[in-house]
Amino acid sequence: MKDVSENYHFVIVLSRVEAISSELEDSLYEAGCSDALIASRDGVVYLVFDRRASSFEGAVLSAVDDIHSSKLEIAISHIEPSDIVSLSEIARRLDRTRESIRLLAKGDRGDGTFPSPISGVEETTQLWSWVEVAKWFFNHSIVNSSVLEKAILTKIINSKLSSLDQYDKSNICTTVLSRCILENQKTHIHHIAQKDASQYGIIKNGDILLKDEFTFFLMNQEELVRKYKNQFLVIKSEKLVRAFDTLNQAYQFGTSTYPLGNFLLQKCLPGPIAYRKACISRVRKAEEWEEEFVEANKARS
């Protein structure tokens, strides 16, 4: 079976762990954290993960689950990269110069809508929300939606971790986190999808065409990719009807089964790139849609 996973890099900072010990190392290794490097800095112990998974969310949540399944009672402080960023950190994450970011923040460059700092207005060093910054760069087509999605997911997880009793085994942490992510992600995903939909002309009167079908795909994307990666899905209402190996097969089935404009034909791929060509059920040749899909992917690779 073809591997559909990708490698995701992130850091998990531990709580109430003062030093690295052989007992800690063995416990985490046996719990499934063999893909993490244990490190310490200024008394803070953390794990640097390079984990293969079908999504960033899946990688982080599986790592959280592994840590909590350790024989030792280990809690998690937070996931990094953090949402709180300085101008220098923004520049580092985007591989830009600090001066270019400073000019954007000051309003001397760009359209003057750069997010305001959330802290340090009267201090030498000001701080921003990475989610708001990533959203601004995404809206200006400077970064792709995966950057924004990771920022949103990390912030959601950290917010929930801080309010959970991680030592209460009756309250499965990853289940709570998954539910919280699903509830919060709908709003943010709609923001991302709305922009992409506008760009590709699948907005009508301010609404995404075939919104129920599109939402079904987004909310079930990870599971669908595991089963049907690179195939073309015919979705009607909130249900997967069939999956096909080629776009033409899916198109022919869709148009022979439903009236045009009443079904969603979606290429099944992981990550936000799959949102690009969401609604391809209009009267157009299947080959033209495939051509545009390929070009859209190239433009963002």
C-alpha atoms as a PDB file:
ATOM      1  CA  MET A   1       0.000   0.000   0.000  1.00  0.00           C
ATOM      2  CA  LYS A   2       1.326   3.420  -0.938  1.00  0.00           C
ATOM      3  CA  ASP A   3       2.493   5.636   1.933  1.00  0.00           C
ATOM      4  CA  VAL A   4       0.237   8.714   2.127  1.00  0.00           C
ATOM      5  CA  SER A   5       2.006  10.304   5.092  1.00  0.00           C
ATOM      6  CA  GLU A   6       4.251  13.350   5.256  1.00  0.00           C
ATOM      7  CA  ASN A   7       6.887  14.475   7.746  1.00  0.00           C
ATOM      8  CA  TYR A   8       5.903  17.190  10.256  1.00  0.00           C
ATOM      9  CA  HIS A   9       8.304  19.077  12.501  1.00  0.00           C
ATOM     10  CA  PHE A  10       7.128  20.520  15.826  1.00  0.00           C
ATOM     11  CA  VAL A  11       8.157  20.860  19.470  1.00  0.00           C
ATOM     12  CA  ILE A  12       6.273  19.737  22.575  1.00  0.00           C
ATOM     13  CA  VAL A  13       7.333  21.401  25.825  1.00  0.00           C
ATOM     14  CA  LEU A  14       6.834  19.244  28.915  1.00  0.00           C
ATOM     15  CA  SER A  15       5.455  20.387  32.231  1.00  0.00           C
ATOM     16  CA  ARG A  16       6.738  19.488  35.732  1.00  0.00           C
ATOM     17  CA  VAL A  17       9.799  17.756  34.300  1.00  0.00           C
ATOM     18  CA  GLU A  18      12.928  19.358  35.705  1.00  0.00           C
ATOM     19  CA  ALA A  19      15.668  17.332  34.025  1.00  0.00           C
ATOM     20  CA  ILE A  20      16.346  14.637  31.448  1.00  0.00           C
ATOM     21  CA  SER A  21      16.869  11.199  32.965  1.00  0.00           C
ATOM     22  CA  SER A  22      17.333   7.698  31.608  1.00  0.00           C
ATOM     23  CA  GLU A  23      13.962   6.801  33.138  1.00  0.00           C
ATOM     24  CA  LEU A  24      12.306   9.642  31.213  1.00  0.00           C
ATOM     25  CA  GLU A  25      14.024   8.683  27.969  1.00  0.00           C
ATOM     26  CA  ASP A  26      13.085   5.006  28.281  1.00  0.00           C
ATOM     27  CA  SER A  27       9.508   5.779  29.237  1.00  0.00           C
ATOM     28  CA  LEU A  28       8.932   8.111  26.273  1.00  0.00           C
ATOM     29  CA  TYR A  29      10.666   5.752  23.856  1.00  0.00           C
ATOM     30  CA  GLU A  30       8.480   2.832  24.947  1.00  0.00           C
ATOM     31  CA  ALA A  31       5.397   5.045  24.686  1.00  0.00           C
ATOM     32  CA  GLY A  32       6.067   5.635  20.979  1.00  0.00           C
ATOM     33  CA  CYS A  33       8.204   8.789  20.947  1.00  0.00           C
ATOM     34  CA  SER A  34      11.146   7.176  19.156  1.00  0.00           C
ATOM     35  CA  ASP A  35      10.892   9.889  16.482  1.00  0.00           C
ATOM     36  CA  ALA A  36      11.564  12.670  19.001  1.00  0.00           C
ATOM     37  CA  LEU A  37      14.773  14.181  20.323  1.00  0.00           C
ATOM     38  CA  ILE A  38      14.676  14.984  24.055  1.00  0.00           C
ATOM     39  CA  ALA A  39      16.396  18.255  24.879  1.00  0.00           C
ATOM     40  CA  SER A  40      16.646  20.788  27.689  1.00  0.00           C
ATOM     41  CA  ARG A  41      17.253  24.524  27.828  1.00  0.00           C
ATOM     42  CA  ASP A  42      17.342  26.713  30.932  1.00  0.00           C
ATOM     43  CA  GLY A  43      15.590  24.030  32.954  1.00  0.00           C
ATOM     44  CA  VAL A  44      12.833  23.456  30.365  1.00  0.00           C
ATOM     45  CA  VAL A  45      12.588  19.918  28.957  1.00  0.00           C
ATOM     46  CA  TYR A  46      11.079  19.506  25.505  1.00  0.00           C
ATOM     47  CA  LEU A  47      10.697  17.025  22.664  1.00  0.00           C
ATOM     48  CA  VAL A  48      11.604  17.852  19.071  1.00  0.00           C
ATOM     49  CA  PHE A  49       9.422  15.710  16.825  1.00  0.00           C
ATOM     50  CA  ASP A  50       9.815  14.784  13.183  1.00  0.00           C
ATOM     51  CA  ARG A  51       6.718  12.661  12.822  1.00  0.00           C
ATOM     52  CA  ARG A  52       5.156  11.087   9.769  1.00  0.00           C
ATOM     53  CA  ALA A  53       1.383  11.412   9.546  1.00  0.00           C
ATOM     54  CA  SER A  54      -1.331  12.185   7.015  1.00  0.00           C
ATOM     55  CA  SER A  55      -1.810  15.685   8.503  1.00  0.00           C
ATOM     56  CA  PHE A  56      -0.224  18.174  10.906  1.00  0.00           C
ATOM     57  CA  GLU A  57      -3.169  17.732  13.260  1.00  0.00           C
ATOM     58  CA  GLY A  58      -2.753  13.945  13.219  1.00  0.00           C
ATOM     59  CA  ALA A  59       0.977  14.205  13.890  1.00  0.00           C
ATOM     60  CA  VAL A  60       0.581  16.504  16.895  1.00  0.00           C
ATOM     61  CA  LEU A  61      -2.360  14.657  18.457  1.00  0.00           C
ATOM     62  CA  SER A  62      -0.670  11.268  18.118  1.00  0.00           C
ATOM     63  CA  ALA A  63       2.446  12.690  19.806  1.00  0.00           C
ATOM     64  CA  VAL A  64       0.312  14.120  22.632  1.00  0.00           C
ATOM     65  CA  ASP A  65      -1.339  10.725  23.037  1.00  0.00           C
ATOM     66  CA  ASP A  66       2.022   8.941  23.139  1.00  0.00           C
ATOM     67  CA  ILE A  67       3.369  11.268  25.832  1.00  0.00           C
ATOM     68  CA  HIS A  68       0.262  10.805  27.986  1.00  0.00           C
ATOM     69  CA  SER A  69       0.474   7.019  27.605  1.00  0.00           C
ATOM     70  CA  SER A  70       3.948   7.005  29.167  1.00  0.00           C
ATOM     71  CA  LYS A  71       4.454   5.056  32.406  1.00  0.00           C
ATOM     72  CA  LEU A  72       5.492   8.313  34.031  1.00  0.00           C
ATOM     73  CA  GLU A  73       2.927  11.007  34.764  1.00  0.00           C
ATOM     74  CA  ILE A  74       4.015  13.623  32.231  1.00  0.00           C
ATOM     75  CA  ALA A  75       1.992  16.685  31.353  1.00  0.00           C
ATOM     76  CA  ILE A  76       2.424  18.998  28.378  1.00  0.00           C
ATOM     77  CA  SER A  77       2.977  22.715  28.791  1.00  0.00           C
ATOM     78  CA  HIS A  78       2.441  23.729  25.170  1.00  0.00           C
ATOM     79  CA  ILE A  79       3.206  23.096  21.515  1.00  0.00           C
ATOM     80  CA  GLU A  80       5.685  25.219  19.601  1.00  0.00           C
ATOM     81  CA  PRO A  81       6.105  27.240  17.450  1.00  0.00           C
ATOM     82  CA  SER A  82       4.331  29.677  19.765  1.00  0.00           C
ATOM     83  CA  ASP A  83       1.568  32.080  18.750  1.00  0.00           C
ATOM     84  CA  ILE A  84       3.404  34.995  20.400  1.00  0.00           C
ATOM     85  CA  VAL A  85       6.025  36.398  18.030  1.00  0.00           C
ATOM     86  CA  SER A  86       8.373  39.365  17.720  1.00  0.00           C
ATOM     87  CA  LEU A  87       9.296  41.087  14.467  1.00  0.00           C
ATOM     88  CA  SER A  88      12.501  39.049  14.335  1.00  0.00           C
ATOM     89  CA  GLU A  89      10.609  35.793  14.801  1.00  0.00           C
ATOM     90  CA  ILE A  90       8.067  36.740  12.120  1.00  0.00           C
ATOM     91  CA  ALA A  91      10.945  37.444   9.741  1.00  0.00           C
ATOM     92  CA  ARG A  92      12.614  34.120  10.604  1.00  0.00           C
ATOM     93  CA  ARG A  93       9.444  32.081  10.045  1.00  0.00           C
ATOM     94  CA  LEU A  94       8.775  33.722   6.695  1.00  0.00           C
ATOM     95  CA  ASP A  95      12.420  33.820   5.598  1.00  0.00           C
ATOM     96  CA  ARG A  96      12.304  37.583   5.167  1.00  0.00           C
ATOM     97  CA  THR A  97      14.409  40.412   6.579  1.00  0.00           C
ATOM     98  CA  ARG A  98      13.445  41.973   9.896  1.00  0.00           C
ATOM     99  CA  GLU A  99      13.495  45.394   8.240  1.00  0.00           C
ATOM    100  CA  SER A 100      10.881  44.355   5.671  1.00  0.00           C
ATOM    101  CA  ILE A 101       8.573  43.173   8.460  1.00  0.00           C
ATOM    102  CA  ARG A 102       9.220  46.341  10.498  1.00  0.00           C
ATOM    103  CA  LEU A 103       8.187  48.499   7.537  1.00  0.00           C
ATOM    104  CA  LEU A 104       4.974  46.498   7.127  1.00  0.00           C
ATOM    105  CA  ALA A 105       4.186  46.790  10.840  1.00  0.00           C
ATOM    106  CA  LYS A 106       4.901  50.533  10.810  1.00  0.00           C
ATOM    107  CA  GLY A 107       2.734  51.060   7.727  1.00  0.00           C
ATOM    108  CA  ASP A 108       5.557  52.384   5.557  1.00  0.00           C
ATOM    109  CA  ARG A 109       5.146  49.400   3.246  1.00  0.00           C
ATOM    110  CA  GLY A 110       2.085  47.471   2.159  1.00  0.00           C
ATOM    111  CA  ASP A 111      -1.518  48.607   2.399  1.00  0.00           C
ATOM    112  CA  GLY A 112      -1.351  49.747   6.024  1.00  0.00           C
ATOM    113  CA  THR A 113      -3.536  46.920   7.350  1.00  0.00           C
ATOM    114  CA  PHE A 114      -0.805  44.860   9.048  1.00  0.00           C
ATOM    115  CA  PRO A 115      -2.083  43.486  12.407  1.00  0.00           C
ATOM    116  CA  SER A 116      -1.540  45.578  15.511  1.00  0.00           C
ATOM    117  CA  PRO A 117       0.732  44.220  18.258  1.00  0.00           C
ATOM    118  CA  ILE A 118      -1.004  42.440  21.113  1.00  0.00           C
ATOM    119  CA  SER A 119       1.608  43.412  23.698  1.00  0.00           C
ATOM    120  CA  GLY A 120       4.397  45.874  24.340  1.00  0.00           C
ATOM    121  CA  VAL A 121       2.844  48.968  22.759  1.00  0.00           C
ATOM    122  CA  GLU A 122       4.869  51.172  25.108  1.00  0.00           C
ATOM    123  CA  GLU A 123       7.862  48.841  25.334  1.00  0.00           C
ATOM    124  CA  THR A 124      10.975  48.486  23.209  1.00  0.00           C
ATOM    125  CA  THR A 125       9.937  45.019  22.022  1.00  0.00           C
ATOM    126  CA  GLN A 126       6.432  44.542  20.678  1.00  0.00           C
ATOM    127  CA  LEU A 127       4.702  41.195  20.231  1.00  0.00           C
ATOM    128  CA  TRP A 128       2.147  39.940  17.695  1.00  0.00           C
ATOM    129  CA  SER A 129      -0.213  36.984  17.350  1.00  0.00           C
ATOM    130  CA  TRP A 130       1.231  34.599  14.777  1.00  0.00           C
ATOM    131  CA  VAL A 131      -2.283  33.543  13.746  1.00  0.00           C
ATOM    132  CA  GLU A 132      -3.205  37.135  12.900  1.00  0.00           C
ATOM    133  CA  VAL A 133       0.092  37.705  11.103  1.00  0.00           C
ATOM    134  CA  ALA A 134      -0.207  34.452   9.125  1.00  0.00           C
ATOM    135  CA  LYS A 135      -3.791  35.367   8.225  1.00  0.00           C
ATOM    136  CA  TRP A 136      -2.634  38.757   6.927  1.00  0.00           C
ATOM    137  CA  PHE A 137       0.095  37.213   4.758  1.00  0.00           C
ATOM    138  CA  PHE A 138      -2.333  34.565   3.512  1.00  0.00           C
ATOM    139  CA  ASN A 139      -4.940  37.182   2.590  1.00  0.00           C
ATOM    140  CA  HIS A 140      -2.249  38.997   0.626  1.00  0.00           C
ATOM    141  CA  SER A 141      -1.297  35.758  -1.197  1.00  0.00           C
ATOM    142  CA  ILE A 142       2.218  35.735   0.270  1.00  0.00           C
ATOM    143  CA  VAL A 143       1.936  32.399   2.117  1.00  0.00           C
ATOM    144  CA  ASN A 144      -0.234  29.389   1.357  1.00  0.00           C
ATOM    145  CA  SER A 145      -3.057  28.244   3.603  1.00  0.00           C
ATOM    146  CA  SER A 146      -1.002  25.459   5.219  1.00  0.00           C
ATOM    147  CA  VAL A 147       0.968  28.120   7.117  1.00  0.00           C
ATOM    148  CA  LEU A 148      -2.238  29.624   8.474  1.00  0.00           C
ATOM    149  CA  GLU A 149      -3.784  26.244   9.260  1.00  0.00           C
ATOM    150  CA  LYS A 150      -0.785  25.137  11.324  1.00  0.00           C
ATOM    151  CA  ALA A 151      -0.837  28.411  13.235  1.00  0.00           C
ATOM    152  CA  ILE A 152      -4.560  28.037  13.968  1.00  0.00           C
ATOM    153  CA  LEU A 153      -4.286  24.387  15.019  1.00  0.00           C
ATOM    154  CA  THR A 154      -1.338  25.046  17.328  1.00  0.00           C
ATOM    155  CA  LYS A 155      -3.147  27.932  19.017  1.00  0.00           C
ATOM    156  CA  ILE A 156      -6.326  25.876  19.479  1.00  0.00           C
ATOM    157  CA  ILE A 157      -4.424  22.941  20.983  1.00  0.00           C
ATOM    158  CA  ASN A 158      -2.400  25.148  23.342  1.00  0.00           C
ATOM    159  CA  SER A 159      -5.502  26.974  24.509  1.00  0.00           C
ATOM    160  CA  LYS A 160      -7.222  23.691  25.365  1.00  0.00           C
ATOM    161  CA  LEU A 161      -4.149  22.069  26.947  1.00  0.00           C
ATOM    162  CA  SER A 162      -3.923  24.872  29.483  1.00  0.00           C
ATOM    163  CA  SER A 163      -7.472  24.203  30.709  1.00  0.00           C
ATOM    164  CA  LEU A 164      -7.355  20.393  30.798  1.00  0.00           C
ATOM    165  CA  ASP A 165      -6.488  18.207  33.761  1.00  0.00           C
ATOM    166  CA  GLN A 166      -3.955  16.093  31.927  1.00  0.00           C
ATOM    167  CA  TYR A 167      -3.541  13.742  34.882  1.00  0.00           C
ATOM    168  CA  ASP A 168      -7.209  12.744  34.846  1.00  0.00           C
ATOM    169  CA  LYS A 169      -7.076   9.512  32.858  1.00  0.00           C
ATOM    170  CA  SER A 170     -10.866   9.326  32.676  1.00  0.00           C
ATOM    171  CA  ASN A 171     -10.760  12.403  30.470  1.00  0.00           C
ATOM    172  CA  ILE A 172      -8.868  11.294  27.363  1.00  0.00           C
ATOM    173  CA  CYS A 173      -6.895  14.367  26.362  1.00  0.00           C
ATOM    174  CA  THR A 174      -6.668  13.716  22.635  1.00  0.00           C
ATOM    175  CA  THR A 175     -10.411  13.085  22.385  1.00  0.00           C
ATOM    176  CA  VAL A 176     -11.127  16.442  24.008  1.00  0.00           C
ATOM    177  CA  LEU A 177      -8.549  18.148  21.801  1.00  0.00           C
ATOM    178  CA  SER A 178      -9.974  16.591  18.635  1.00  0.00           C
ATOM    179  CA  ARG A 179     -13.466  17.754  19.521  1.00  0.00           C
ATOM    180  CA  CYS A 180     -12.213  21.237  20.327  1.00  0.00           C
ATOM    181  CA  ILE A 181     -10.254  21.434  17.065  1.00  0.00           C
ATOM    182  CA  LEU A 182     -13.263  20.334  15.040  1.00  0.00           C
ATOM    183  CA  GLU A 183     -15.514  22.939  16.643  1.00  0.00           C
ATOM    184  CA  ASN A 184     -13.039  25.799  16.312  1.00  0.00           C
ATOM    185  CA  GLN A 185     -11.629  24.831  12.942  1.00  0.00           C
ATOM    186  CA  LYS A 186     -14.923  25.204  11.084  1.00  0.00           C
ATOM    187  CA  THR A 187     -14.824  28.988  11.365  1.00  0.00           C
ATOM    188  CA  HIS A 188     -11.174  29.243  10.364  1.00  0.00           C
ATOM    189  CA  ILE A 189     -11.429  26.722   7.528  1.00  0.00           C
ATOM    190  CA  HIS A 190     -14.421  28.624   6.177  1.00  0.00           C
ATOM    191  CA  HIS A 191     -12.235  31.765   6.091  1.00  0.00           C
ATOM    192  CA  ILE A 192      -9.538  29.924   4.133  1.00  0.00           C
ATOM    193  CA  ALA A 193     -12.015  28.198   1.845  1.00  0.00           C
ATOM    194  CA  GLN A 194     -13.936  31.408   1.191  1.00  0.00           C
ATOM    195  CA  LYS A 195     -10.821  33.158  -0.133  1.00  0.00           C
ATOM    196  CA  ASP A 196      -9.812  30.222  -2.310  1.00  0.00           C
ATOM    197  CA  ALA A 197     -13.360  29.822  -3.576  1.00  0.00           C
ATOM    198  CA  SER A 198     -13.518  33.512  -4.511  1.00  0.00           C
ATOM    199  CA  GLN A 199     -10.244  33.201  -6.387  1.00  0.00           C
ATOM    200  CA  TYR A 200     -11.565  30.319  -8.466  1.00  0.00           C
ATOM    201  CA  GLY A 201     -15.016  31.731  -9.081  1.00  0.00           C
ATOM    202  CA  ILE A 202     -17.045  29.278  -7.022  1.00  0.00           C
ATOM    203  CA  ILE A 203     -18.704  31.942  -4.858  1.00  0.00           C
ATOM    204  CA  LYS A 204     -22.272  32.973  -5.618  1.00  0.00           C
ATOM    205  CA  ASN A 205     -23.979  35.764  -3.676  1.00  0.00           C
ATOM    206  CA  GLY A 206     -21.298  35.513  -1.004  1.00  0.00           C
ATOM    207  CA  ASP A 207     -21.767  31.767  -0.405  1.00  0.00           C
ATOM    208  CA  ILE A 208     -19.591  28.832  -1.416  1.00  0.00           C
ATOM    209  CA  LEU A 209     -21.391  26.779  -4.054  1.00  0.00           C
ATOM    210  CA  LEU A 210     -22.245  23.289  -2.804  1.00  0.00           C
ATOM    211  CA  LYS A 211     -21.296  24.351   0.730  1.00  0.00           C
ATOM    212  CA  ASP A 212     -22.648  21.173   2.410  1.00  0.00           C
ATOM    213  CA  GLU A 213     -20.639  18.964   0.069  1.00  0.00           C
ATOM    214  CA  PHE A 214     -17.520  21.077   0.501  1.00  0.00           C
ATOM    215  CA  THR A 215     -17.828  21.069   4.311  1.00  0.00           C
ATOM    216  CA  PHE A 216     -18.251  17.278   4.282  1.00  0.00           C
ATOM    217  CA  PHE A 217     -14.978  16.913   2.402  1.00  0.00           C
ATOM    218  CA  LEU A 218     -13.091  19.291   4.713  1.00  0.00           C
ATOM    219  CA  MET A 219     -14.354  17.706   7.918  1.00  0.00           C
ATOM    220  CA  ASN A 220     -13.555  14.169   6.707  1.00  0.00           C
ATOM    221  CA  GLN A 221     -10.477  14.945   4.638  1.00  0.00           C
ATOM    222  CA  GLU A 222      -7.977  12.945   6.683  1.00  0.00           C
ATOM    223  CA  GLU A 223     -10.032   9.742   6.617  1.00  0.00           C
ATOM    224  CA  LEU A 224     -10.909  10.162   2.936  1.00  0.00           C
ATOM    225  CA  VAL A 225      -7.244  10.649   2.018  1.00  0.00           C
ATOM    226  CA  ARG A 226      -6.317   7.441   3.844  1.00  0.00           C
ATOM    227  CA  LYS A 227      -8.768   5.506   1.681  1.00  0.00           C
ATOM    228  CA  TYR A 228      -8.877   7.381  -1.619  1.00  0.00           C
ATOM    229  CA  LYS A 229      -5.722   9.467  -2.047  1.00  0.00           C
ATOM    230  CA  ASN A 230      -5.291  10.835  -5.609  1.00  0.00           C
ATOM    231  CA  GLN A 231      -8.733   9.570  -6.622  1.00  0.00           C
ATOM    232  CA  PHE A 232     -11.651  11.769  -7.651  1.00  0.00           C
ATOM    233  CA  LEU A 233     -14.631  11.828  -5.311  1.00  0.00           C
ATOM    234  CA  VAL A 234     -18.260  12.377  -6.258  1.00  0.00           C
ATOM    235  CA  ILE A 235     -19.962  13.924  -3.210  1.00  0.00           C
ATOM    236  CA  LYS A 236     -23.680  14.599  -2.929  1.00  0.00           C
ATOM    237  CA  SER A 237     -25.131  16.429   0.085  1.00  0.00           C
ATOM    238  CA  GLU A 238     -23.038  15.168   3.032  1.00  0.00           C
ATOM    239  CA  LYS A 239     -22.178  11.767   1.601  1.00  0.00           C
ATOM    240  CA  LEU A 240     -19.439  10.225  -0.535  1.00  0.00           C
ATOM    241  CA  VAL A 241     -21.168   8.550  -3.470  1.00  0.00           C
ATOM    242  CA  ARG A 242     -18.216   6.985  -5.312  1.00  0.00           C
ATOM    243  CA  ALA A 243     -14.483   7.360  -5.907  1.00  0.00           C
ATOM    244  CA  PHE A 244     -12.854   7.090  -9.352  1.00  0.00           C
ATOM    245  CA  ASP A 245      -9.299   6.761 -10.624  1.00  0.00           C
ATOM    246  CA  THR A 246      -9.669   9.456 -13.260  1.00  0.00           C
ATOM    247  CA  LEU A 247     -11.382  12.814 -13.409  1.00  0.00           C
ATOM    248  CA  ASN A 248     -13.176  11.902 -16.621  1.00  0.00           C
ATOM    249  CA  GLN A 249     -14.737   8.786 -15.053  1.00  0.00           C
ATOM    250  CA  ALA A 250     -15.958  10.785 -12.073  1.00  0.00           C
ATOM    251  CA  TYR A 251     -17.277  13.555 -14.299  1.00  0.00           C
ATOM    252  CA  GLN A 252     -19.168  11.162 -16.562  1.00  0.00           C
ATOM    253  CA  PHE A 253     -20.723   9.382 -13.573  1.00  0.00           C
ATOM    254  CA  GLY A 254     -21.680  12.644 -11.875  1.00  0.00           C
ATOM    255  CA  THR A 255     -23.303  14.227 -14.896  1.00  0.00           C
ATOM    256  CA  SER A 256     -25.197  11.047 -15.748  1.00  0.00           C
ATOM    257  CA  THR A 257     -26.496  10.661 -12.181  1.00  0.00           C
ATOM    258  CA  TYR A 258     -27.244  14.225 -11.027  1.00  0.00           C
ATOM    259  CA  PRO A 259     -28.213  17.524 -12.642  1.00  0.00           C
ATOM    260  CA  LEU A 260     -25.262  19.823 -13.284  1.00  0.00           C
ATOM    261  CA  GLY A 261     -24.404  21.989 -10.316  1.00  0.00           C
ATOM    262  CA  ASN A 262     -25.930  19.528  -7.820  1.00  0.00           C
ATOM    263  CA  PHE A 263     -22.879  17.433  -6.929  1.00  0.00           C
ATOM    264  CA  LEU A 264     -19.280  18.038  -5.926  1.00  0.00           C
ATOM    265  CA  LEU A 265     -16.384  16.515  -7.787  1.00  0.00           C
ATOM    266  CA  GLN A 266     -13.284  16.758  -5.584  1.00  0.00           C
ATOM    267  CA  LYS A 267      -9.745  15.489  -6.061  1.00  0.00           C
ATOM    268  CA  CYS A 268      -8.745  13.674  -2.868  1.00  0.00           C
ATOM    269  CA  LEU A 269      -5.438  15.037  -1.607  1.00  0.00           C
ATOM    270  CA  PRO A 270      -4.057  15.848   1.857  1.00  0.00           C
ATOM    271  CA  GLY A 271      -3.523  19.385   3.067  1.00  0.00           C
ATOM    272  CA  PRO A 272      -4.978  22.718   2.006  1.00  0.00           C
ATOM    273  CA  ILE A 273      -3.930  22.324  -1.646  1.00  0.00           C
ATOM    274  CA  ALA A 274      -6.942  20.033  -1.995  1.00  0.00           C
ATOM    275  CA  TYR A 275      -9.261  22.950  -1.323  1.00  0.00           C
ATOM    276  CA  ARG A 276      -8.216  24.678  -4.530  1.00  0.00           C
ATOM    277  CA  LYS A 277     -10.534  23.147  -7.079  1.00  0.00           C
ATOM    278  CA  ALA A 278     -13.527  22.392  -4.920  1.00  0.00           C
ATOM    279  CA  CYS A 279     -16.511  22.707  -7.215  1.00  0.00           C
ATOM    280  CA  ILE A 280     -16.022  21.156 -10.625  1.00  0.00           C
ATOM    281  CA  SER A 281     -19.526  20.118 -11.553  1.00  0.00           C
ATOM    282  CA  ARG A 282     -20.385  22.778 -14.107  1.00  0.00           C
ATOM    283  CA  VAL A 283     -20.691  22.387 -17.845  1.00  0.00           C
ATOM    284  CA  ARG A 284     -17.045  22.210 -18.779  1.00  0.00           C
ATOM    285  CA  LYS A 285     -14.805  19.512 -20.145  1.00  0.00           C
ATOM    286  CA  ALA A 286     -13.164  17.330 -17.534  1.00  0.00           C
ATOM    287  CA  GLU A 287      -9.787  17.808 -19.187  1.00  0.00           C
ATOM    288  CA  GLU A 288     -10.010  21.575 -18.672  1.00  0.00           C
ATOM    289  CA  TRP A 289     -10.665  21.147 -14.949  1.00  0.00           C
ATOM    290  CA  GLU A 290      -7.697  18.800 -14.574  1.00  0.00           C
ATOM    291  CA  GLU A 291      -5.499  21.276 -16.426  1.00  0.00           C
ATOM    292  CA  GLU A 292      -6.500  24.090 -14.088  1.00  0.00           C
ATOM    293  CA  PHE A 293      -6.025  21.899 -11.018  1.00  0.00           C
ATOM    294  CA  VAL A 294      -2.487  21.056 -12.063  1.00  0.00           C
ATOM    295  CA  GLU A 295      -1.692  24.715 -12.777  1.00  0.00           C
ATOM    296  CA  ALA A 296      -3.115  25.760  -9.398  1.00  0.00           C
ATOM    297  CA  ASN A 297      -0.884  23.233  -7.644  1.00  0.00           C
ATOM    298  CA  LYS A 298       2.190  24.371  -9.576  1.00  0.00           C
ATOM    299  CA  ALA A 299       1.533  27.998  -8.625  1.00  0.00           C
ATOM    300  CA  ARG A 300       1.658  27.091  -4.919  1.00  0.00           C
ATOM    301  CA  SER A 301       4.495  24.562  -4.932  1.00  0.00           C
END
